[in-house]
Amino acid sequence: MEIILYLSVALIAVAFLVLVIFLSRTLKSLATTLDSVSTTLDGLEQQLDGVTRETTVLLHKTNALASDIQQKSESLNGVVNAVRDVGDSVRKFNGTIQSISSSVNTQVEQNKDKISQVVQWSNVFLELKDKWKIRKQQSSPLQNHIEDIPPAERAVERAAVRARERERAKY
């Protein structure tokens, strides 16, 4: 029996040795895996630091851009208000022009007969003026004496008369 006991202890020792060997291999494999995880985490930490810095820079740029957009929006509001004021002024101006046009049309309709009389009297006056010029030219003393002047002097005199007539026509 004693032998069984020794054999049992030896078997337990061998089993414990096998257990320790497999446990040692498993722990070494676990250590290798943990080293790999540690290396990966170090790289991940560096990448996360880079992303954090880039995010901070991007956030600053976004804030600056938002501020710039706000300033430009305020400037644009001034322009929009100015354009609105110009539109209001144009609308008022158009209303005034329509009012004046309507008033002028009403006055023209009311005074149509008077206007036609003024036009008729103007035409009569112009006809009288033309007739007066014709009579004045016909009764001019130079015209009466031209026939008494020799032909060479007559040509010079006619040129002078034409020049005077052109001068009068200018006025």
N, C-alpha and C. Protein backbone atom coordinates (compact mmCIF):
# COMPACT_ATOMS: atom_id res chain seq x y z
N MET A 1 0.78 -1.14 0.00
CA MET A 1 0.00 0.00 0.00
C MET A 1 0.85 1.24 0.00
N GLU A 2 1.80 1.05 0.59
CA GLU A 2 2.70 2.18 0.62
C GLU A 2 3.16 2.51 -0.78
N ILE A 3 3.29 1.59 -1.54
CA ILE A 3 3.70 1.82 -2.92
C ILE A 3 2.62 2.58 -3.65
N ILE A 4 1.43 2.27 -3.38
CA ILE A 4 0.34 2.97 -4.06
C ILE A 4 0.38 4.44 -3.64
N LEU A 5 0.68 4.62 -2.40
CA LEU A 5 0.75 5.97 -1.92
C LEU A 5 1.88 6.72 -2.60
N TYR A 6 3.02 6.10 -2.72
CA TYR A 6 4.14 6.76 -3.40
C TYR A 6 3.83 6.97 -4.88
N LEU A 7 3.22 5.97 -5.45
CA LEU A 7 2.86 6.11 -6.87
C LEU A 7 1.82 7.23 -7.04
N SER A 8 0.91 7.33 -6.13
CA SER A 8 -0.10 8.38 -6.22
C SER A 8 0.55 9.75 -6.07
N VAL A 9 1.47 9.86 -5.13
CA VAL A 9 2.16 11.14 -4.93
C VAL A 9 2.98 11.45 -6.16
N ALA A 10 3.65 10.43 -6.74
CA ALA A 10 4.45 10.65 -7.94
C ALA A 10 3.55 11.06 -9.08
N LEU A 11 2.39 10.43 -9.20
CA LEU A 11 1.47 10.78 -10.26
C LEU A 11 0.94 12.20 -10.07
N ILE A 12 0.66 12.54 -8.84
CA ILE A 12 0.20 13.90 -8.56
C ILE A 12 1.31 14.88 -8.89
N ALA A 13 2.55 14.54 -8.56
CA ALA A 13 3.68 15.44 -8.85
C ALA A 13 3.85 15.60 -10.34
N VAL A 14 3.72 14.51 -11.11
CA VAL A 14 3.86 14.59 -12.57
C VAL A 14 2.71 15.43 -13.13
N ALA A 15 1.51 15.23 -12.62
CA ALA A 15 0.36 15.99 -13.11
C ALA A 15 0.55 17.47 -12.78
N PHE A 16 1.06 17.72 -11.55
CA PHE A 16 1.30 19.11 -11.18
C PHE A 16 2.37 19.72 -12.06
N LEU A 17 3.42 18.94 -12.42
CA LEU A 17 4.49 19.42 -13.30
C LEU A 17 3.93 19.72 -14.68
N VAL A 18 3.07 18.85 -15.21
CA VAL A 18 2.46 19.08 -16.52
C VAL A 18 1.58 20.34 -16.45
N LEU A 19 0.85 20.47 -15.35
CA LEU A 19 0.00 21.64 -15.18
C LEU A 19 0.84 22.91 -15.13
N VAL A 20 1.94 22.87 -14.41
CA VAL A 20 2.82 24.04 -14.31
C VAL A 20 3.41 24.36 -15.67
N ILE A 21 3.81 23.35 -16.46
CA ILE A 21 4.41 23.59 -17.77
C ILE A 21 3.37 24.25 -18.69
N PHE A 22 2.15 23.71 -18.74
CA PHE A 22 1.12 24.30 -19.60
C PHE A 22 0.70 25.70 -19.12
N LEU A 23 0.64 25.83 -17.81
CA LEU A 23 0.30 27.12 -17.24
C LEU A 23 1.39 28.14 -17.55
N SER A 24 2.65 27.71 -17.54
CA SER A 24 3.78 28.58 -17.88
C SER A 24 3.69 29.01 -19.34
N ARG A 25 3.40 28.06 -20.22
CA ARG A 25 3.27 28.41 -21.64
C ARG A 25 2.11 29.41 -21.84
N THR A 26 0.99 29.16 -21.19
CA THR A 26 -0.17 30.04 -21.32
C THR A 26 0.16 31.43 -20.81
N LEU A 27 0.85 31.49 -19.69
CA LEU A 27 1.22 32.80 -19.13
C LEU A 27 2.21 33.53 -20.03
N LYS A 28 3.16 32.78 -20.65
CA LYS A 28 4.09 33.42 -21.59
C LYS A 28 3.33 33.96 -22.80
N SER A 29 2.38 33.18 -23.29
CA SER A 29 1.57 33.63 -24.42
C SER A 29 0.75 34.86 -24.02
N LEU A 30 0.21 34.83 -22.81
CA LEU A 30 -0.55 35.96 -22.31
C LEU A 30 0.36 37.19 -22.16
N ALA A 31 1.60 37.00 -21.72
CA ALA A 31 2.54 38.11 -21.58
C ALA A 31 2.85 38.71 -22.94
N THR A 32 3.05 37.85 -23.95
CA THR A 32 3.32 38.34 -25.31
C THR A 32 2.11 39.14 -25.82
N THR A 33 0.93 38.62 -25.59
CA THR A 33 -0.29 39.31 -26.02
C THR A 33 -0.42 40.65 -25.30
N LEU A 34 -0.16 40.67 -24.01
CA LEU A 34 -0.26 41.91 -23.24
C LEU A 34 0.79 42.92 -23.69
N ASP A 35 2.00 42.45 -24.05
CA ASP A 35 3.02 43.36 -24.59
C ASP A 35 2.54 43.97 -25.91
N SER A 36 1.94 43.14 -26.74
CA SER A 36 1.42 43.63 -28.02
C SER A 36 0.30 44.65 -27.78
N VAL A 37 -0.58 44.35 -26.84
CA VAL A 37 -1.67 45.28 -26.51
C VAL A 37 -1.08 46.58 -25.96
N SER A 38 -0.05 46.48 -25.14
CA SER A 38 0.59 47.67 -24.58
C SER A 38 1.20 48.54 -25.68
N THR A 39 1.87 47.90 -26.65
CA THR A 39 2.46 48.63 -27.78
C THR A 39 1.36 49.30 -28.60
N THR A 40 0.28 48.57 -28.84
CA THR A 40 -0.84 49.12 -29.60
C THR A 40 -1.46 50.31 -28.87
N LEU A 41 -1.61 50.18 -27.56
CA LEU A 41 -2.18 51.27 -26.77
C LEU A 41 -1.27 52.50 -26.77
N ASP A 42 0.06 52.28 -26.76
CA ASP A 42 0.99 53.42 -26.84
C ASP A 42 0.80 54.15 -28.17
N GLY A 43 0.73 53.39 -29.27
CA GLY A 43 0.51 54.01 -30.59
C GLY A 43 -0.84 54.71 -30.65
N LEU A 44 -1.84 54.07 -30.07
CA LEU A 44 -3.18 54.65 -30.05
C LEU A 44 -3.20 55.94 -29.24
N GLU A 45 -2.46 55.96 -28.14
CA GLU A 45 -2.38 57.16 -27.31
C GLU A 45 -1.73 58.31 -28.09
N GLN A 46 -0.68 58.00 -28.84
CA GLN A 46 -0.02 59.04 -29.65
C GLN A 46 -0.97 59.56 -30.74
N GLN A 47 -1.67 58.62 -31.37
CA GLN A 47 -2.62 59.04 -32.40
C GLN A 47 -3.75 59.88 -31.80
N LEU A 48 -4.20 59.49 -30.63
CA LEU A 48 -5.26 60.23 -29.96
C LEU A 48 -4.78 61.64 -29.58
N ASP A 49 -3.52 61.76 -29.17
CA ASP A 49 -2.96 63.09 -28.89
C ASP A 49 -2.94 63.94 -30.17
N GLY A 50 -2.54 63.34 -31.30
CA GLY A 50 -2.53 64.06 -32.58
C GLY A 50 -3.92 64.50 -32.98
N VAL A 51 -4.89 63.60 -32.82
CA VAL A 51 -6.28 63.93 -33.16
C VAL A 51 -6.79 65.04 -32.25
N THR A 52 -6.42 64.98 -30.98
CA THR A 52 -6.85 66.03 -30.04
C THR A 52 -6.27 67.38 -30.44
N ARG A 53 -4.99 67.42 -30.80
CA ARG A 53 -4.37 68.68 -31.24
C ARG A 53 -5.06 69.20 -32.50
N GLU A 54 -5.27 68.31 -33.48
CA GLU A 54 -5.92 68.73 -34.72
C GLU A 54 -7.35 69.22 -34.46
N THR A 55 -8.04 68.54 -33.56
CA THR A 55 -9.40 68.95 -33.21
C THR A 55 -9.39 70.33 -32.56
N THR A 56 -8.39 70.58 -31.71
CA THR A 56 -8.27 71.89 -31.06
C THR A 56 -8.02 72.98 -32.10
N VAL A 57 -7.09 72.71 -33.04
CA VAL A 57 -6.80 73.68 -34.10
C VAL A 57 -8.04 73.91 -34.95
N LEU A 58 -8.72 72.84 -35.29
CA LEU A 58 -9.94 72.94 -36.10
C LEU A 58 -11.02 73.73 -35.37
N LEU A 59 -11.13 73.53 -34.07
CA LEU A 59 -12.11 74.26 -33.27
C LEU A 59 -11.78 75.76 -33.25
N HIS A 60 -10.49 76.10 -33.12
CA HIS A 60 -10.09 77.52 -33.16
C HIS A 60 -10.42 78.13 -34.52
N LYS A 61 -10.11 77.39 -35.59
CA LYS A 61 -10.40 77.90 -36.93
C LYS A 61 -11.91 78.07 -37.12
N THR A 62 -12.69 77.13 -36.62
CA THR A 62 -14.14 77.21 -36.72
C THR A 62 -14.67 78.42 -35.97
N ASN A 63 -14.12 78.67 -34.79
CA ASN A 63 -14.54 79.86 -34.03
C ASN A 63 -14.19 81.14 -34.77
N ALA A 64 -12.98 81.19 -35.35
CA ALA A 64 -12.57 82.38 -36.11
C ALA A 64 -13.48 82.56 -37.33
N LEU A 65 -13.79 81.46 -38.00
CA LEU A 65 -14.66 81.52 -39.17
C LEU A 65 -16.07 81.98 -38.77
N ALA A 66 -16.57 81.48 -37.66
CA ALA A 66 -17.89 81.90 -37.18
C ALA A 66 -17.89 83.39 -36.85
N SER A 67 -16.82 83.87 -36.24
CA SER A 67 -16.71 85.30 -35.92
C SER A 67 -16.67 86.13 -37.20
N ASP A 68 -15.89 85.67 -38.19
CA ASP A 68 -15.79 86.39 -39.47
C ASP A 68 -17.15 86.42 -40.17
N ILE A 69 -17.85 85.30 -40.15
CA ILE A 69 -19.18 85.23 -40.77
C ILE A 69 -20.13 86.18 -40.04
N GLN A 70 -20.02 86.25 -38.72
CA GLN A 70 -20.88 87.15 -37.95
C GLN A 70 -20.62 88.60 -38.34
N GLN A 71 -19.34 88.98 -38.45
CA GLN A 71 -18.99 90.36 -38.83
C GLN A 71 -19.50 90.67 -40.24
N LYS A 72 -19.29 89.75 -41.16
CA LYS A 72 -19.74 89.98 -42.54
C LYS A 72 -21.26 90.03 -42.61
N SER A 73 -21.92 89.23 -41.80
CA SER A 73 -23.38 89.25 -41.76
C SER A 73 -23.87 90.60 -41.26
N GLU A 74 -23.20 91.14 -40.24
CA GLU A 74 -23.59 92.46 -39.73
C GLU A 74 -23.35 93.53 -40.79
N SER A 75 -22.22 93.43 -41.51
CA SER A 75 -21.96 94.39 -42.60
C SER A 75 -23.01 94.26 -43.68
N LEU A 76 -23.36 93.04 -44.00
CA LEU A 76 -24.35 92.80 -45.04
C LEU A 76 -25.72 93.31 -44.60
N ASN A 77 -26.00 93.25 -43.31
CA ASN A 77 -27.27 93.79 -42.81
C ASN A 77 -27.36 95.29 -43.11
N GLY A 78 -26.24 96.00 -42.96
CA GLY A 78 -26.23 97.43 -43.30
C GLY A 78 -26.53 97.65 -44.76
N VAL A 79 -25.93 96.83 -45.61
CA VAL A 79 -26.16 96.96 -47.05
C VAL A 79 -27.62 96.64 -47.38
N VAL A 80 -28.15 95.61 -46.76
CA VAL A 80 -29.55 95.23 -47.01
C VAL A 80 -30.47 96.37 -46.57
N ASN A 81 -30.18 96.97 -45.42
CA ASN A 81 -31.00 98.10 -44.96
C ASN A 81 -30.90 99.27 -45.92
N ALA A 82 -29.69 99.53 -46.43
CA ALA A 82 -29.52 100.63 -47.39
C ALA A 82 -30.31 100.35 -48.67
N VAL A 83 -30.25 99.11 -49.15
CA VAL A 83 -31.00 98.75 -50.36
C VAL A 83 -32.50 98.87 -50.11
N ARG A 84 -32.93 98.47 -48.92
CA ARG A 84 -34.35 98.59 -48.58
C ARG A 84 -34.75 100.07 -48.58
N ASP A 85 -33.90 100.92 -48.01
CA ASP A 85 -34.20 102.36 -47.99
C ASP A 85 -34.25 102.92 -49.41
N VAL A 86 -33.33 102.47 -50.27
CA VAL A 86 -33.35 102.92 -51.66
C VAL A 86 -34.64 102.47 -52.33
N GLY A 87 -35.04 101.24 -52.07
CA GLY A 87 -36.30 100.73 -52.63
C GLY A 87 -37.49 101.56 -52.16
N ASP A 88 -37.50 101.90 -50.87
CA ASP A 88 -38.59 102.74 -50.36
C ASP A 88 -38.58 104.11 -51.03
N SER A 89 -37.38 104.68 -51.19
CA SER A 89 -37.28 106.00 -51.84
C SER A 89 -37.77 105.93 -53.28
N VAL A 90 -37.38 104.88 -53.99
CA VAL A 90 -37.81 104.72 -55.39
C VAL A 90 -39.32 104.55 -55.45
N ARG A 91 -39.87 103.79 -54.51
CA ARG A 91 -41.32 103.59 -54.49
C ARG A 91 -42.03 104.92 -54.23
N LYS A 92 -41.52 105.71 -53.29
CA LYS A 92 -42.13 107.02 -53.02
C LYS A 92 -41.98 107.94 -54.22
N PHE A 93 -40.79 107.90 -54.85
CA PHE A 93 -40.56 108.73 -56.03
C PHE A 93 -41.53 108.36 -57.14
N ASN A 94 -41.71 107.05 -57.36
CA ASN A 94 -42.66 106.61 -58.39
C ASN A 94 -44.07 107.07 -58.06
N GLY A 95 -44.44 107.00 -56.79
CA GLY A 95 -45.77 107.48 -56.39
C GLY A 95 -45.92 108.96 -56.66
N THR A 96 -44.86 109.72 -56.36
CA THR A 96 -44.90 111.17 -56.62
C THR A 96 -45.01 111.44 -58.11
N ILE A 97 -44.23 110.73 -58.92
CA ILE A 97 -44.27 110.91 -60.38
C ILE A 97 -45.67 110.57 -60.90
N GLN A 98 -46.25 109.49 -60.41
CA GLN A 98 -47.60 109.13 -60.85
C GLN A 98 -48.61 110.21 -60.46
N SER A 99 -48.43 110.74 -59.26
CA SER A 99 -49.33 111.80 -58.80
C SER A 99 -49.19 113.04 -59.67
N ILE A 100 -47.94 113.43 -59.96
CA ILE A 100 -47.70 114.60 -60.81
C ILE A 100 -48.25 114.36 -62.21
N SER A 101 -47.99 113.16 -62.75
CA SER A 101 -48.48 112.83 -64.09
C SER A 101 -50.00 112.89 -64.14
N SER A 102 -50.63 112.36 -63.12
CA SER A 102 -52.09 112.40 -63.07
C SER A 102 -52.58 113.84 -62.99
N SER A 103 -51.90 114.65 -62.18
CA SER A 103 -52.28 116.06 -62.04
C SER A 103 -52.10 116.80 -63.37
N VAL A 104 -50.97 116.54 -64.06
CA VAL A 104 -50.73 117.19 -65.35
C VAL A 104 -51.79 116.77 -66.35
N ASN A 105 -52.11 115.48 -66.39
CA ASN A 105 -53.14 115.00 -67.32
C ASN A 105 -54.49 115.66 -67.03
N THR A 106 -54.81 115.80 -65.76
CA THR A 106 -56.07 116.45 -65.39
C THR A 106 -56.07 117.91 -65.85
N GLN A 107 -54.94 118.61 -65.60
CA GLN A 107 -54.85 120.01 -66.00
C GLN A 107 -54.93 120.16 -67.52
N VAL A 108 -54.27 119.25 -68.24
CA VAL A 108 -54.31 119.31 -69.70
C VAL A 108 -55.73 119.09 -70.19
N GLU A 109 -56.43 118.14 -69.60
CA GLU A 109 -57.82 117.88 -70.00
C GLU A 109 -58.70 119.09 -69.71
N GLN A 110 -58.47 119.72 -68.56
CA GLN A 110 -59.29 120.87 -68.20
C GLN A 110 -58.99 122.08 -69.08
N ASN A 111 -57.73 122.23 -69.49
CA ASN A 111 -57.32 123.42 -70.25
C ASN A 111 -57.07 123.11 -71.72
N LYS A 112 -57.67 122.05 -72.23
CA LYS A 112 -57.44 121.64 -73.61
C LYS A 112 -57.83 122.75 -74.58
N ASP A 113 -58.95 123.38 -74.35
CA ASP A 113 -59.41 124.45 -75.26
C ASP A 113 -58.45 125.63 -75.21
N LYS A 114 -57.99 125.99 -74.03
CA LYS A 114 -57.07 127.12 -73.90
C LYS A 114 -55.75 126.83 -74.61
N ILE A 115 -55.27 125.61 -74.47
CA ILE A 115 -54.01 125.23 -75.11
C ILE A 115 -54.14 125.30 -76.62
N SER A 116 -55.26 124.80 -77.14
CA SER A 116 -55.44 124.85 -78.60
C SER A 116 -55.53 126.30 -79.08
N GLN A 117 -56.12 127.18 -78.28
CA GLN A 117 -56.17 128.60 -78.66
C GLN A 117 -54.77 129.21 -78.66
N VAL A 118 -53.97 128.86 -77.67
CA VAL A 118 -52.59 129.38 -77.61
C VAL A 118 -51.82 128.91 -78.83
N VAL A 119 -51.99 127.65 -79.21
CA VAL A 119 -51.29 127.13 -80.40
C VAL A 119 -51.76 127.88 -81.65
N GLN A 120 -53.04 128.10 -81.76
CA GLN A 120 -53.56 128.81 -82.94
C GLN A 120 -53.02 130.24 -82.99
N TRP A 121 -53.02 130.93 -81.86
CA TRP A 121 -52.51 132.31 -81.84
C TRP A 121 -51.00 132.32 -82.13
N SER A 122 -50.29 131.29 -81.67
CA SER A 122 -48.85 131.20 -81.98
C SER A 122 -48.64 131.06 -83.47
N ASN A 123 -49.45 130.23 -84.11
CA ASN A 123 -49.34 130.06 -85.56
C ASN A 123 -49.64 131.37 -86.29
N VAL A 124 -50.66 132.08 -85.82
CA VAL A 124 -51.01 133.36 -86.44
C VAL A 124 -49.85 134.34 -86.28
N PHE A 125 -49.27 134.38 -85.09
CA PHE A 125 -48.15 135.28 -84.83
C PHE A 125 -46.97 134.95 -85.75
N LEU A 126 -46.67 133.66 -85.90
CA LEU A 126 -45.55 133.26 -86.76
C LEU A 126 -45.81 133.64 -88.22
N GLU A 127 -47.05 133.49 -88.66
CA GLU A 127 -47.38 133.88 -90.04
C GLU A 127 -47.22 135.39 -90.23
N LEU A 128 -47.68 136.16 -89.24
CA LEU A 128 -47.52 137.62 -89.32
C LEU A 128 -46.05 138.01 -89.33
N LYS A 129 -45.28 137.34 -88.54
CA LYS A 129 -43.84 137.63 -88.50
C LYS A 129 -43.20 137.36 -89.85
N ASP A 130 -43.54 136.20 -90.46
CA ASP A 130 -42.99 135.88 -91.78
C ASP A 130 -43.41 136.92 -92.82
N LYS A 131 -44.67 137.32 -92.79
CA LYS A 131 -45.15 138.34 -93.75
C LYS A 131 -44.43 139.67 -93.53
N TRP A 132 -44.20 140.01 -92.28
CA TRP A 132 -43.51 141.26 -91.96
C TRP A 132 -42.09 141.24 -92.51
N LYS A 133 -41.39 140.08 -92.36
CA LYS A 133 -40.03 139.96 -92.90
C LYS A 133 -40.03 140.13 -94.42
N ILE A 134 -41.02 139.50 -95.05
CA ILE A 134 -41.09 139.59 -96.51
C ILE A 134 -41.32 141.04 -96.94
N ARG A 135 -42.23 141.74 -96.29
CA ARG A 135 -42.49 143.14 -96.63
C ARG A 135 -41.27 144.01 -96.35
N LYS A 136 -40.60 143.71 -95.26
CA LYS A 136 -39.42 144.49 -94.92
C LYS A 136 -38.34 144.32 -95.99
N GLN A 137 -38.15 143.09 -96.45
CA GLN A 137 -37.15 142.84 -97.49
C GLN A 137 -37.56 143.51 -98.81
N GLN A 138 -38.86 143.51 -99.08
CA GLN A 138 -39.32 144.12 -100.33
C GLN A 138 -39.23 145.64 -100.29
N SER A 139 -39.42 146.20 -99.12
CA SER A 139 -39.39 147.66 -99.03
C SER A 139 -38.01 148.19 -98.63
N SER A 140 -37.03 147.35 -98.58
CA SER A 140 -35.67 147.77 -98.21
C SER A 140 -35.14 148.75 -99.25
N PRO A 141 -34.54 149.89 -98.82
CA PRO A 141 -34.04 150.88 -99.77
C PRO A 141 -32.93 150.32 -100.63
N LEU A 142 -32.21 149.35 -100.16
CA LEU A 142 -31.14 148.78 -100.98
C LEU A 142 -31.71 148.07 -102.19
N GLN A 143 -32.85 147.41 -101.99
CA GLN A 143 -33.46 146.71 -103.12
C GLN A 143 -33.90 147.69 -104.21
N ASN A 144 -34.41 148.85 -103.80
CA ASN A 144 -34.87 149.84 -104.78
C ASN A 144 -33.70 150.44 -105.55
N HIS A 145 -32.55 150.60 -104.93
CA HIS A 145 -31.40 151.24 -105.57
C HIS A 145 -30.51 150.26 -106.31
N ILE A 146 -30.72 149.00 -106.18
CA ILE A 146 -29.86 148.01 -106.83
C ILE A 146 -29.94 148.14 -108.34
N GLU A 147 -31.10 148.46 -108.84
CA GLU A 147 -31.25 148.55 -110.30
C GLU A 147 -30.44 149.73 -110.86
N ASP A 148 -30.21 150.78 -110.08
CA ASP A 148 -29.45 151.95 -110.54
C ASP A 148 -27.94 151.71 -110.48
N ILE A 149 -27.49 150.67 -109.80
CA ILE A 149 -26.05 150.42 -109.61
C ILE A 149 -25.54 149.58 -110.79
N PRO A 150 -24.30 149.86 -111.27
CA PRO A 150 -23.73 149.06 -112.35
C PRO A 150 -23.61 147.58 -111.95
N PRO A 151 -23.54 146.65 -112.97
CA PRO A 151 -23.57 145.20 -112.68
C PRO A 151 -22.45 144.73 -111.75
N ALA A 152 -21.22 145.22 -111.85
CA ALA A 152 -20.12 144.76 -111.00
C ALA A 152 -20.37 145.14 -109.55
N GLU A 153 -20.82 146.37 -109.34
CA GLU A 153 -21.10 146.82 -107.98
C GLU A 153 -22.35 146.15 -107.43
N ARG A 154 -23.27 145.82 -108.34
CA ARG A 154 -24.50 145.16 -107.93
C ARG A 154 -24.19 143.79 -107.31
N ALA A 155 -23.24 143.05 -107.90
CA ALA A 155 -22.86 141.73 -107.37
C ALA A 155 -22.29 141.85 -105.97
N VAL A 156 -21.45 142.88 -105.75
CA VAL A 156 -20.88 143.10 -104.42
C VAL A 156 -21.98 143.47 -103.44
N GLU A 157 -22.91 144.32 -103.89
CA GLU A 157 -24.00 144.76 -103.02
C GLU A 157 -24.92 143.59 -102.66
N ARG A 158 -25.18 142.72 -103.63
CA ARG A 158 -26.02 141.55 -103.35
C ARG A 158 -25.35 140.63 -102.33
N ALA A 159 -24.04 140.45 -102.46
CA ALA A 159 -23.31 139.62 -101.50
C ALA A 159 -23.41 140.21 -100.10
N ALA A 160 -23.31 141.54 -100.00
CA ALA A 160 -23.42 142.20 -98.70
C ALA A 160 -24.82 142.02 -98.12
N VAL A 161 -25.86 142.14 -98.99
CA VAL A 161 -27.23 141.98 -98.53
C VAL A 161 -27.44 140.55 -98.04
N ARG A 162 -26.93 139.58 -98.77
CA ARG A 162 -27.07 138.17 -98.35
C ARG A 162 -26.38 137.92 -97.02
N ALA A 163 -25.20 138.52 -96.85
CA ALA A 163 -24.46 138.35 -95.59
C ALA A 163 -25.27 138.92 -94.43
N ARG A 164 -25.88 140.11 -94.63
CA ARG A 164 -26.70 140.71 -93.58
C ARG A 164 -27.92 139.84 -93.27
N GLU A 165 -28.52 139.29 -94.32
CA GLU A 165 -29.69 138.42 -94.12
C GLU A 165 -29.32 137.16 -93.33
N ARG A 166 -28.15 136.62 -93.64
CA ARG A 166 -27.69 135.45 -92.89
C ARG A 166 -27.44 135.80 -91.42
N GLU A 167 -26.89 136.96 -91.18
CA GLU A 167 -26.65 137.41 -89.80
C GLU A 167 -27.98 137.56 -89.06
N ARG A 168 -28.98 138.15 -89.73
CA ARG A 168 -30.29 138.32 -89.09
C ARG A 168 -30.95 136.96 -88.84
N ALA A 169 -30.74 136.03 -89.76
CA ALA A 169 -31.36 134.71 -89.63
C ALA A 169 -30.80 133.96 -88.41
N LYS A 170 -29.57 134.28 -88.06
CA LYS A 170 -28.97 133.61 -86.89
C LYS A 170 -29.71 133.98 -85.62
N TYR A 171 -30.18 135.19 -85.58
CA TYR A 171 -30.84 135.68 -84.36
C TYR A 171 -32.31 135.45 -84.46
